[in-house]
């Protein structure tokens, strides 16, 4: 099944992650393809994407999602064998 929506976040290691891309249908597929090309881990959660998709490009994630997004980022570091100090 193809994704309906996709959201990309940028995390600089110091500030809250911000929305760097968002899209539906073909744009969502392009976001996912670009992430795969660059070895960026993907996390599928339609409910979370639905919330994040309501944000504007450049918006920081809401404080209510800090823990959820922190866990996802932590897992992404782990599967890539990195720590925040490596970045």
N, C-alpha and C. Protein backbone atom coordinates (compact mmCIF):
# COMPACT_ATOMS: atom_id res chain seq x y z
N UNK A 1 0.83 -1.18 0.00
CA UNK A 1 0.00 0.00 0.00
C UNK A 1 0.88 1.25 0.00
N UNK A 2 0.58 2.18 -0.87
CA UNK A 2 1.36 3.40 -0.97
C UNK A 2 0.95 4.38 0.12
N UNK A 3 1.92 5.16 0.59
CA UNK A 3 1.60 6.12 1.65
C UNK A 3 0.68 7.22 1.15
N UNK A 4 -0.22 7.66 1.99
CA UNK A 4 -1.10 8.78 1.66
C UNK A 4 -0.42 10.10 1.97
N UNK A 5 0.35 10.13 3.07
CA UNK A 5 1.04 11.33 3.52
C UNK A 5 2.42 10.96 4.03
N UNK A 6 3.32 11.93 3.96
CA UNK A 6 4.65 11.75 4.54
C UNK A 6 5.12 13.09 5.08
N UNK A 7 5.89 13.02 6.15
CA UNK A 7 6.47 14.22 6.76
C UNK A 7 7.93 13.92 7.06
N UNK A 8 8.79 14.87 6.73
CA UNK A 8 10.21 14.76 7.07
C UNK A 8 10.52 15.80 8.14
N UNK A 9 11.35 15.39 9.08
CA UNK A 9 11.77 16.29 10.14
C UNK A 9 13.28 16.51 10.04
N UNK A 10 13.71 17.69 10.43
CA UNK A 10 15.14 18.00 10.53
C UNK A 10 15.45 18.24 11.99
N UNK A 11 16.50 17.56 12.46
CA UNK A 11 16.92 17.72 13.85
C UNK A 11 18.40 18.09 13.86
N UNK A 12 18.72 19.24 14.44
CA UNK A 12 20.11 19.71 14.47
C UNK A 12 20.86 19.28 15.73
N UNK A 13 20.21 18.55 16.61
CA UNK A 13 20.85 18.07 17.82
C UNK A 13 20.77 19.04 18.98
N UNK A 14 20.28 20.24 18.73
CA UNK A 14 20.20 21.23 19.80
C UNK A 14 18.79 21.76 20.02
N UNK A 15 18.09 22.02 18.94
CA UNK A 15 16.74 22.58 19.02
C UNK A 15 15.70 21.51 18.74
N UNK A 16 14.46 21.85 18.95
CA UNK A 16 13.38 20.91 18.64
C UNK A 16 13.38 20.62 17.14
N UNK A 17 13.08 19.39 16.75
CA UNK A 17 12.99 19.07 15.33
C UNK A 17 11.95 19.96 14.64
N UNK A 18 12.22 20.26 13.38
CA UNK A 18 11.30 21.08 12.59
C UNK A 18 10.85 20.31 11.36
N UNK A 19 9.69 20.67 10.86
CA UNK A 19 9.15 20.05 9.65
C UNK A 19 9.95 20.57 8.46
N UNK A 20 10.58 19.66 7.73
CA UNK A 20 11.38 20.05 6.57
C UNK A 20 10.72 19.69 5.25
N UNK A 21 9.74 18.80 5.30
CA UNK A 21 8.99 18.44 4.09
C UNK A 21 7.69 17.78 4.51
N UNK A 22 6.68 18.00 3.72
CA UNK A 22 5.39 17.35 3.96
C UNK A 22 4.66 17.24 2.64
N UNK A 23 3.94 16.16 2.46
CA UNK A 23 3.22 16.01 1.20
C UNK A 23 2.28 14.81 1.22
N UNK A 24 1.45 14.78 0.19
CA UNK A 24 0.49 13.70 0.02
C UNK A 24 0.73 13.04 -1.34
N UNK A 25 0.25 11.82 -1.46
CA UNK A 25 0.28 11.04 -2.69
C UNK A 25 1.68 11.00 -3.31
N UNK A 26 1.86 11.57 -4.53
CA UNK A 26 3.15 11.49 -5.22
C UNK A 26 4.25 12.22 -4.46
N UNK A 27 3.91 13.35 -3.84
CA UNK A 27 4.92 14.09 -3.07
C UNK A 27 5.37 13.25 -1.88
N UNK A 28 4.44 12.56 -1.25
CA UNK A 28 4.79 11.66 -0.14
C UNK A 28 5.75 10.57 -0.62
N UNK A 29 5.47 10.02 -1.79
CA UNK A 29 6.35 9.00 -2.35
C UNK A 29 7.74 9.56 -2.63
N UNK A 30 7.81 10.80 -3.11
CA UNK A 30 9.10 11.44 -3.36
C UNK A 30 9.88 11.67 -2.07
N UNK A 31 9.19 12.11 -1.03
CA UNK A 31 9.84 12.32 0.26
C UNK A 31 10.45 11.01 0.75
N UNK A 32 9.70 9.94 0.64
CA UNK A 32 10.18 8.63 1.08
C UNK A 32 11.34 8.15 0.21
N UNK A 33 11.25 8.35 -1.10
CA UNK A 33 12.33 7.94 -2.00
C UNK A 33 13.62 8.69 -1.69
N UNK A 34 13.52 9.98 -1.44
CA UNK A 34 14.71 10.79 -1.13
C UNK A 34 15.32 10.31 0.20
N UNK A 35 14.47 10.03 1.17
CA UNK A 35 14.98 9.53 2.46
C UNK A 35 15.72 8.21 2.25
N UNK A 36 15.17 7.33 1.48
CA UNK A 36 15.82 6.04 1.22
C UNK A 36 17.15 6.23 0.50
N UNK A 37 17.18 7.13 -0.49
CA UNK A 37 18.42 7.40 -1.24
C UNK A 37 19.54 7.87 -0.32
N UNK A 38 19.18 8.57 0.74
CA UNK A 38 20.16 9.13 1.65
C UNK A 38 20.36 8.30 2.91
N UNK A 39 19.76 7.12 2.94
CA UNK A 39 19.93 6.23 4.09
C UNK A 39 19.28 6.72 5.36
N UNK A 40 18.24 7.52 5.22
CA UNK A 40 17.54 8.04 6.39
C UNK A 40 16.50 7.01 6.83
N UNK A 41 16.55 6.59 8.08
CA UNK A 41 15.57 5.61 8.56
C UNK A 41 14.14 6.15 8.46
N UNK A 42 13.22 5.28 8.12
CA UNK A 42 11.81 5.65 8.01
C UNK A 42 11.04 5.08 9.18
N UNK A 43 10.04 5.81 9.60
CA UNK A 43 9.16 5.37 10.69
C UNK A 43 7.74 5.57 10.22
N UNK A 44 6.98 4.49 10.18
CA UNK A 44 5.61 4.56 9.70
C UNK A 44 4.63 4.61 10.86
N UNK A 45 3.88 5.70 10.92
CA UNK A 45 2.85 5.87 11.93
C UNK A 45 1.84 6.88 11.38
N UNK A 46 0.76 6.40 10.76
CA UNK A 46 -0.20 7.30 10.12
C UNK A 46 -0.79 8.36 11.06
N UNK A 47 -1.01 7.99 12.32
CA UNK A 47 -1.59 8.96 13.26
C UNK A 47 -0.61 10.10 13.53
N UNK A 48 0.66 9.75 13.73
CA UNK A 48 1.68 10.76 13.98
C UNK A 48 1.87 11.64 12.75
N UNK A 49 1.91 11.03 11.58
CA UNK A 49 2.03 11.81 10.34
C UNK A 49 0.86 12.76 10.19
N UNK A 50 -0.33 12.30 10.55
CA UNK A 50 -1.51 13.17 10.48
C UNK A 50 -1.37 14.41 11.34
N UNK A 51 -0.82 14.25 12.53
CA UNK A 51 -0.60 15.40 13.42
C UNK A 51 0.50 16.30 12.86
N UNK A 52 1.62 15.70 12.46
CA UNK A 52 2.74 16.49 11.95
C UNK A 52 2.40 17.21 10.64
N UNK A 53 1.52 16.60 9.84
CA UNK A 53 1.16 17.20 8.55
C UNK A 53 0.35 18.48 8.71
N UNK A 54 -0.17 18.73 9.91
CA UNK A 54 -0.92 19.97 10.14
C UNK A 54 0.02 21.15 10.38
N UNK A 55 1.31 20.86 10.59
CA UNK A 55 2.28 21.93 10.83
C UNK A 55 2.76 22.51 9.50
N UNK A 56 3.26 23.72 9.55
CA UNK A 56 3.82 24.38 8.37
C UNK A 56 5.30 24.03 8.24
N UNK A 57 5.84 24.14 7.03
CA UNK A 57 7.27 23.94 6.84
C UNK A 57 8.04 24.89 7.74
N UNK A 58 9.04 24.38 8.40
CA UNK A 58 9.85 25.19 9.30
C UNK A 58 9.33 25.26 10.72
N UNK A 59 8.11 24.78 10.96
CA UNK A 59 7.57 24.78 12.32
C UNK A 59 8.26 23.72 13.16
N UNK A 60 8.53 24.07 14.41
CA UNK A 60 9.05 23.09 15.37
C UNK A 60 7.91 22.17 15.79
N UNK A 61 8.26 20.94 16.13
CA UNK A 61 7.24 20.02 16.61
C UNK A 61 6.67 20.57 17.92
N UNK A 62 5.40 20.30 18.20
CA UNK A 62 4.83 20.77 19.47
C UNK A 62 5.44 20.02 20.65
N UNK A 63 5.49 20.71 21.77
CA UNK A 63 6.08 20.15 22.98
C UNK A 63 5.42 18.82 23.37
N UNK A 64 4.15 18.68 23.07
CA UNK A 64 3.43 17.44 23.42
C UNK A 64 3.99 16.22 22.68
N UNK A 65 4.77 16.44 21.61
CA UNK A 65 5.34 15.33 20.84
C UNK A 65 6.83 15.12 21.12
N UNK A 66 7.42 15.91 22.00
CA UNK A 66 8.86 15.80 22.26
C UNK A 66 9.28 14.38 22.60
N UNK A 67 8.60 13.75 23.54
CA UNK A 67 9.00 12.41 23.97
C UNK A 67 8.86 11.40 22.83
N UNK A 68 7.76 11.45 22.12
CA UNK A 68 7.53 10.52 21.00
C UNK A 68 8.61 10.67 19.94
N UNK A 69 8.88 11.92 19.53
CA UNK A 69 9.87 12.16 18.49
C UNK A 69 11.28 11.83 19.01
N UNK A 70 11.55 12.12 20.28
CA UNK A 70 12.86 11.79 20.86
C UNK A 70 13.11 10.29 20.81
N UNK A 71 12.09 9.50 21.08
CA UNK A 71 12.23 8.04 21.02
C UNK A 71 12.51 7.58 19.60
N UNK A 72 11.85 8.19 18.62
CA UNK A 72 12.07 7.83 17.22
C UNK A 72 13.48 8.21 16.79
N UNK A 73 13.91 9.42 17.15
CA UNK A 73 15.27 9.85 16.81
C UNK A 73 16.30 8.95 17.48
N UNK A 74 16.07 8.62 18.73
CA UNK A 74 16.99 7.75 19.46
C UNK A 74 17.10 6.39 18.77
N UNK A 75 15.98 5.85 18.35
CA UNK A 75 15.99 4.56 17.66
C UNK A 75 16.72 4.67 16.33
N UNK A 76 16.50 5.78 15.60
CA UNK A 76 17.18 5.98 14.32
C UNK A 76 18.70 6.02 14.52
N UNK A 77 19.16 6.72 15.56
CA UNK A 77 20.59 6.73 15.87
C UNK A 77 21.08 5.32 16.16
N UNK A 78 20.32 4.59 16.97
CA UNK A 78 20.70 3.24 17.37
C UNK A 78 20.86 2.32 16.16
N UNK A 79 19.89 2.32 15.25
CA UNK A 79 19.97 1.38 14.12
C UNK A 79 21.07 1.78 13.13
N UNK A 80 21.49 3.04 13.17
CA UNK A 80 22.61 3.48 12.33
C UNK A 80 23.94 3.36 13.06
N UNK A 81 23.91 2.90 14.33
CA UNK A 81 25.12 2.73 15.11
C UNK A 81 25.77 4.04 15.51
N UNK A 82 24.97 5.09 15.70
CA UNK A 82 25.50 6.40 16.05
C UNK A 82 24.98 6.84 17.42
N UNK A 83 25.66 7.84 17.94
CA UNK A 83 25.18 8.53 19.13
C UNK A 83 25.04 10.00 18.75
N UNK A 84 24.30 10.79 19.52
CA UNK A 84 24.18 12.21 19.20
C UNK A 84 25.53 12.92 19.09
N UNK A 85 26.53 12.45 19.82
CA UNK A 85 27.87 13.06 19.75
C UNK A 85 28.55 12.83 18.41
N UNK A 86 28.10 11.83 17.65
CA UNK A 86 28.69 11.52 16.35
C UNK A 86 28.25 12.50 15.26
N UNK A 87 27.19 13.22 15.54
CA UNK A 87 26.60 14.08 14.50
C UNK A 87 27.10 15.50 14.55
